[in-house]
């Protein structure tokens, strides 16, 4: 199935809400004037239906229709569980 929806891989930084996680996605971006690679990040609110993602997990998110005021993303799967020490 081919879709034109955006997909990102990020790390869950908060799972305190019910069925919602906050995912931090880091990107490397070239500075327009100084031509230096700068690391930037953005936080996305993503829907997690079964509350399976926890803090520190690496997840794959895909864009969807608006689910609430801030949620426009859905967690597809947990790629890597966090190392809880």
N, C-alpha and C. Protein backbone atom coordinates (compact mmCIF):
# COMPACT_ATOMS: atom_id res chain seq x y z
N UNK A 1 0.85 -1.18 0.00
CA UNK A 1 0.00 0.00 0.00
C UNK A 1 0.89 1.24 0.00
N UNK A 2 0.77 2.08 -1.02
CA UNK A 2 1.57 3.28 -1.14
C UNK A 2 0.78 4.47 -0.63
N UNK A 3 1.38 5.24 0.27
CA UNK A 3 0.74 6.44 0.78
C UNK A 3 1.70 7.61 0.65
N UNK A 4 1.14 8.79 0.61
CA UNK A 4 1.95 10.01 0.56
C UNK A 4 2.03 10.66 1.94
N UNK A 5 1.68 9.92 2.97
CA UNK A 5 1.73 10.46 4.32
C UNK A 5 3.16 10.50 4.83
N UNK A 6 3.46 11.51 5.64
CA UNK A 6 4.80 11.64 6.20
C UNK A 6 5.00 10.62 7.31
N UNK A 7 6.23 10.11 7.40
CA UNK A 7 6.60 9.16 8.45
C UNK A 7 7.87 9.67 9.11
N UNK A 8 7.93 9.55 10.42
CA UNK A 8 9.11 9.94 11.17
C UNK A 8 9.44 8.88 12.19
N UNK A 9 10.72 8.79 12.55
CA UNK A 9 11.18 7.93 13.64
C UNK A 9 11.67 8.86 14.74
N UNK A 10 11.18 8.65 15.96
CA UNK A 10 11.56 9.51 17.07
C UNK A 10 11.55 8.77 18.38
N UNK A 11 11.86 9.49 19.44
CA UNK A 11 11.95 8.93 20.79
C UNK A 11 10.82 9.51 21.63
N UNK A 12 10.15 8.63 22.38
CA UNK A 12 9.07 9.06 23.26
C UNK A 12 9.67 9.78 24.46
N UNK A 13 9.24 11.04 24.69
CA UNK A 13 9.76 11.79 25.83
C UNK A 13 8.73 11.91 26.94
N UNK A 14 7.45 11.60 26.64
CA UNK A 14 6.43 11.64 27.67
C UNK A 14 5.31 10.67 27.30
N UNK A 15 4.86 9.89 28.31
CA UNK A 15 3.73 8.98 28.11
C UNK A 15 2.73 9.12 29.25
N UNK A 16 2.64 10.31 29.82
CA UNK A 16 1.80 10.52 31.00
C UNK A 16 0.32 10.63 30.66
N UNK A 17 -0.01 10.93 29.39
CA UNK A 17 -1.41 11.07 29.00
C UNK A 17 -1.97 9.71 28.59
N UNK A 18 -3.29 9.60 28.62
CA UNK A 18 -3.94 8.35 28.22
C UNK A 18 -4.05 8.30 26.70
N UNK A 19 -3.51 7.23 26.10
CA UNK A 19 -3.54 6.99 24.66
C UNK A 19 -2.83 8.07 23.85
N UNK A 20 -1.91 8.79 24.47
CA UNK A 20 -1.15 9.83 23.79
C UNK A 20 0.29 9.80 24.26
N UNK A 21 1.21 9.95 23.33
CA UNK A 21 2.62 10.08 23.66
C UNK A 21 3.18 11.31 22.97
N UNK A 22 4.23 11.88 23.55
CA UNK A 22 4.93 12.99 22.93
C UNK A 22 6.23 12.43 22.37
N UNK A 23 6.44 12.62 21.07
CA UNK A 23 7.59 12.05 20.38
C UNK A 23 8.50 13.18 19.92
N UNK A 24 9.79 13.06 20.24
CA UNK A 24 10.79 14.04 19.82
C UNK A 24 11.50 13.49 18.59
N UNK A 25 11.41 14.25 17.48
CA UNK A 25 12.02 13.85 16.22
C UNK A 25 13.17 14.80 15.93
N UNK A 26 14.39 14.24 15.80
CA UNK A 26 15.57 15.05 15.50
C UNK A 26 15.89 14.97 14.02
N UNK A 27 16.30 16.11 13.47
CA UNK A 27 16.67 16.18 12.05
C UNK A 27 17.98 16.96 11.92
N UNK A 28 18.76 16.63 10.92
CA UNK A 28 19.95 17.40 10.58
C UNK A 28 19.59 18.32 9.43
N UNK A 29 19.83 19.61 9.63
CA UNK A 29 19.40 20.61 8.66
C UNK A 29 20.57 21.53 8.36
N UNK A 30 20.74 21.89 7.09
CA UNK A 30 21.80 22.79 6.69
C UNK A 30 21.40 24.24 6.97
N UNK A 31 22.29 24.98 7.63
CA UNK A 31 22.02 26.40 7.86
C UNK A 31 22.13 27.14 6.53
N UNK A 32 21.12 28.00 6.20
CA UNK A 32 21.10 28.61 4.87
C UNK A 32 22.27 29.55 4.59
N UNK A 33 22.73 30.26 5.59
CA UNK A 33 23.82 31.23 5.35
C UNK A 33 25.20 30.63 5.60
N UNK A 34 25.35 29.92 6.73
CA UNK A 34 26.68 29.47 7.13
C UNK A 34 27.02 28.06 6.64
N UNK A 35 26.07 27.39 6.02
CA UNK A 35 26.30 26.07 5.42
C UNK A 35 26.82 25.03 6.40
N UNK A 36 26.44 25.19 7.67
CA UNK A 36 26.83 24.22 8.69
C UNK A 36 25.62 23.34 8.99
N UNK A 37 25.86 22.07 9.25
CA UNK A 37 24.78 21.16 9.58
C UNK A 37 24.40 21.36 11.04
N UNK A 38 23.13 21.69 11.27
CA UNK A 38 22.63 21.97 12.60
C UNK A 38 21.59 20.92 12.96
N UNK A 39 21.68 20.40 14.19
CA UNK A 39 20.70 19.41 14.64
C UNK A 39 19.50 20.15 15.22
N UNK A 40 18.31 19.90 14.67
CA UNK A 40 17.09 20.50 15.18
C UNK A 40 16.14 19.40 15.60
N UNK A 41 15.17 19.75 16.42
CA UNK A 41 14.19 18.77 16.83
C UNK A 41 12.82 19.41 16.92
N UNK A 42 11.79 18.56 16.87
CA UNK A 42 10.42 19.01 17.01
C UNK A 42 9.65 17.95 17.78
N UNK A 43 8.68 18.39 18.58
CA UNK A 43 7.87 17.47 19.36
C UNK A 43 6.53 17.27 18.66
N UNK A 44 6.10 16.02 18.58
CA UNK A 44 4.82 15.68 17.97
C UNK A 44 3.97 14.93 19.00
N UNK A 45 2.69 15.24 19.05
CA UNK A 45 1.74 14.50 19.87
C UNK A 45 1.18 13.39 19.00
N UNK A 46 1.31 12.15 19.45
CA UNK A 46 0.90 11.00 18.64
C UNK A 46 -0.07 10.12 19.43
N UNK A 47 -1.04 9.55 18.70
CA UNK A 47 -2.04 8.67 19.29
C UNK A 47 -1.45 7.27 19.44
N UNK A 48 -1.58 6.73 20.64
CA UNK A 48 -1.10 5.38 20.95
C UNK A 48 -2.27 4.60 21.54
N UNK A 49 -3.00 3.91 20.70
CA UNK A 49 -4.28 3.29 21.07
C UNK A 49 -4.16 2.34 22.25
N UNK A 50 -3.14 1.48 22.27
CA UNK A 50 -3.03 0.46 23.30
C UNK A 50 -2.06 0.82 24.43
N UNK A 51 -1.60 2.05 24.48
CA UNK A 51 -0.64 2.51 25.48
C UNK A 51 0.58 1.58 25.55
N UNK A 52 1.10 1.17 24.39
CA UNK A 52 2.22 0.24 24.39
C UNK A 52 3.58 0.94 24.39
N UNK A 53 3.64 2.20 24.00
CA UNK A 53 4.91 2.93 23.99
C UNK A 53 5.13 3.57 25.36
N UNK A 54 6.37 3.49 25.84
CA UNK A 54 6.70 4.12 27.11
C UNK A 54 7.87 5.07 26.91
N UNK A 55 8.21 5.81 27.94
CA UNK A 55 9.24 6.83 27.84
C UNK A 55 10.59 6.22 27.48
N UNK A 56 11.25 6.80 26.46
CA UNK A 56 12.55 6.32 26.02
C UNK A 56 12.49 5.37 24.84
N UNK A 57 11.30 4.90 24.46
CA UNK A 57 11.17 3.99 23.33
C UNK A 57 11.35 4.72 22.01
N UNK A 58 11.88 3.99 21.01
CA UNK A 58 12.01 4.52 19.66
C UNK A 58 10.78 4.04 18.89
N UNK A 59 10.03 4.98 18.28
CA UNK A 59 8.77 4.64 17.63
C UNK A 59 8.72 5.20 16.21
N UNK A 60 7.85 4.59 15.40
CA UNK A 60 7.56 5.06 14.05
C UNK A 60 6.19 5.70 14.08
N UNK A 61 6.09 6.98 13.64
CA UNK A 61 4.80 7.67 13.63
C UNK A 61 4.48 8.06 12.19
N UNK A 62 3.17 8.15 11.91
CA UNK A 62 2.69 8.52 10.57
C UNK A 62 1.60 9.56 10.75
N UNK A 63 1.52 10.50 9.82
CA UNK A 63 0.51 11.56 9.94
C UNK A 63 -0.88 11.01 9.66
N UNK A 64 -1.88 11.65 10.27
CA UNK A 64 -3.27 11.21 10.10
C UNK A 64 -4.18 12.43 10.16
N UNK A 65 -5.45 12.17 10.16
CA UNK A 65 -6.40 13.26 10.29
C UNK A 65 -6.30 13.85 11.69
N UNK A 66 -6.78 15.06 11.92
CA UNK A 66 -6.74 15.62 13.27
C UNK A 66 -7.58 14.79 14.25
N UNK A 67 -6.93 14.35 15.34
CA UNK A 67 -7.61 13.53 16.34
C UNK A 67 -8.02 14.36 17.55
N UNK A 68 -7.35 15.47 17.78
CA UNK A 68 -7.69 16.40 18.86
C UNK A 68 -7.06 17.74 18.50
N UNK A 69 -6.99 18.63 19.47
CA UNK A 69 -6.44 19.96 19.21
C UNK A 69 -4.98 19.89 18.73
N UNK A 70 -4.18 19.01 19.32
CA UNK A 70 -2.77 18.93 18.98
C UNK A 70 -2.36 17.63 18.29
N UNK A 71 -3.16 16.58 18.39
CA UNK A 71 -2.78 15.28 17.85
C UNK A 71 -3.12 15.16 16.37
N UNK A 72 -2.07 14.97 15.55
CA UNK A 72 -2.25 14.72 14.12
C UNK A 72 -1.39 13.54 13.66
N UNK A 73 -0.87 12.76 14.59
CA UNK A 73 0.02 11.65 14.28
C UNK A 73 -0.43 10.39 15.01
N UNK A 74 -0.07 9.22 14.48
CA UNK A 74 -0.43 7.93 15.07
C UNK A 74 0.84 7.08 15.16
N UNK A 75 1.01 6.41 16.30
CA UNK A 75 2.13 5.49 16.47
C UNK A 75 1.82 4.22 15.70
N UNK A 76 2.68 3.89 14.74
CA UNK A 76 2.49 2.66 13.95
C UNK A 76 3.06 1.46 14.69
N UNK A 77 4.33 1.58 15.14
CA UNK A 77 4.91 0.48 15.92
C UNK A 77 6.08 0.98 16.74
N UNK A 78 6.37 0.20 17.78
CA UNK A 78 7.52 0.48 18.64
C UNK A 78 8.71 -0.25 18.04
N UNK A 79 9.73 0.50 17.63
CA UNK A 79 10.89 -0.10 16.97
C UNK A 79 11.89 -0.66 17.98
N UNK A 80 12.04 0.03 19.11
CA UNK A 80 13.05 -0.36 20.08
C UNK A 80 12.58 0.05 21.47
N UNK A 81 12.59 -0.88 22.40
CA UNK A 81 12.19 -0.57 23.77
C UNK A 81 13.35 0.09 24.51
N UNK A 82 13.03 0.91 25.50
CA UNK A 82 14.03 1.64 26.27
C UNK A 82 14.77 0.68 27.21
N UNK A 83 16.03 1.00 27.47
CA UNK A 83 16.82 0.23 28.41
C UNK A 83 16.60 0.80 29.80
N UNK A 84 15.66 0.21 30.56
CA UNK A 84 15.37 0.68 31.91
C UNK A 84 16.37 0.09 32.89
N UNK A 85 17.21 0.94 33.43
CA UNK A 85 18.26 0.47 34.36
C UNK A 85 17.84 0.74 35.77
